[in-house]
Amino acid sequence: MHTDFEPLIDADRAGSILGIHPKTVQRMARQGRIPAIRIGKYWRFRLSQLDSWLASTLNSGPALCVPPKKEERH
């Protein structure tokens, strides 16, 4: 039986794809906030799991972005 193997990516690549710093990706993995696999001392990620996680995060609550500040009037 042959199954397709999905290559794992490292925190640098995951951070680049998500647009966040790799150390933030690692911290989120340690905290269990992002799907990850720990192999020894290294965190690895599957693109398909990151995509599913991101889609469910965006659809499950308030927006993750901060609204722009109102302009000050003088």
Protein backbone atom coordinates (compact mmCIF):
# COMPACT_ATOMS: atom_id res chain seq x y z
CA MET A 1 0.00 0.00 0.00
CA HIS A 2 1.45 3.36 -1.06
CA THR A 3 0.30 6.59 0.52
CA ASP A 4 1.42 10.05 -0.47
CA PHE A 5 3.73 11.58 2.09
CA GLU A 6 3.26 15.26 2.78
CA PRO A 7 6.67 16.85 3.41
CA LEU A 8 7.10 18.70 6.68
CA ILE A 9 8.26 22.30 6.79
CA ASP A 10 10.29 24.06 9.45
CA ALA A 11 9.35 27.10 11.54
CA ASP A 12 11.16 29.48 9.17
CA ARG A 13 9.04 28.35 6.22
CA ALA A 14 5.83 28.19 8.28
CA GLY A 15 6.46 31.71 9.58
CA SER A 16 7.12 32.98 6.07
CA ILE A 17 3.88 31.44 4.80
CA LEU A 18 1.83 32.76 7.74
CA GLY A 19 3.56 36.14 7.74
CA ILE A 20 4.81 35.88 11.31
CA HIS A 21 8.23 35.49 12.90
CA PRO A 22 9.54 31.90 13.17
CA LYS A 23 10.02 32.30 16.94
CA THR A 24 6.32 33.19 17.22
CA VAL A 25 5.47 30.03 15.27
CA GLN A 26 7.63 27.98 17.66
CA ARG A 27 6.05 29.59 20.73
CA MET A 28 2.56 28.92 19.39
CA ALA A 29 3.54 25.29 18.74
CA ARG A 30 4.86 24.89 22.31
CA GLN A 31 1.62 26.33 23.66
CA GLY A 32 -0.49 24.00 21.51
CA ARG A 33 -2.09 26.95 19.70
CA ILE A 34 -0.98 25.82 16.24
CA PRO A 35 -0.81 22.27 14.80
CA ALA A 36 2.76 21.03 14.95
CA ILE A 37 4.91 17.95 15.28
CA ARG A 38 7.94 17.91 17.53
CA ILE A 39 10.83 15.82 16.28
CA GLY A 40 13.57 15.91 18.87
CA LYS A 41 14.15 19.58 19.61
CA TYR A 42 12.70 20.77 16.29
CA TRP A 43 9.14 21.80 15.41
CA ARG A 44 7.79 20.73 12.03
CA PHE A 45 4.54 21.62 10.33
CA ARG A 46 2.26 20.28 7.58
CA LEU A 47 0.97 22.86 5.13
CA SER A 48 -2.44 21.18 4.99
CA GLN A 49 -2.82 21.37 8.78
CA LEU A 50 -1.72 25.02 8.86
CA ASP A 51 -4.24 25.82 6.13
CA SER A 52 -7.07 24.06 8.01
CA TRP A 53 -6.06 25.73 11.27
CA LEU A 54 -5.97 29.17 9.68
CA ALA A 55 -9.36 28.69 7.99
CA SER A 56 -10.99 27.50 11.23
CA THR A 57 -9.39 30.32 13.23
CA LEU A 58 -10.62 32.97 10.81
CA ASN A 59 -14.13 31.52 10.75
CA SER A 60 -14.53 30.88 14.48
CA GLY A 61 -14.33 34.23 16.14
CA PRO A 62 -13.65 37.92 15.99
CA ALA A 63 -11.26 39.23 13.40
CA LEU A 64 -7.59 38.86 14.22
CA CYS A 65 -6.72 42.29 12.92
CA VAL A 66 -6.75 45.49 14.89
CA PRO A 67 -8.96 48.24 13.51
CA PRO A 68 -7.17 51.42 12.45
CA LYS A 69 -6.96 54.22 14.97
CA LYS A 70 -9.27 57.18 14.47
CA GLU A 71 -7.63 60.30 13.19
CA GLU A 72 -7.10 63.02 15.74
CA ARG A 73 -8.76 66.35 15.04
CA HIS A 74 -7.11 69.58 16.11
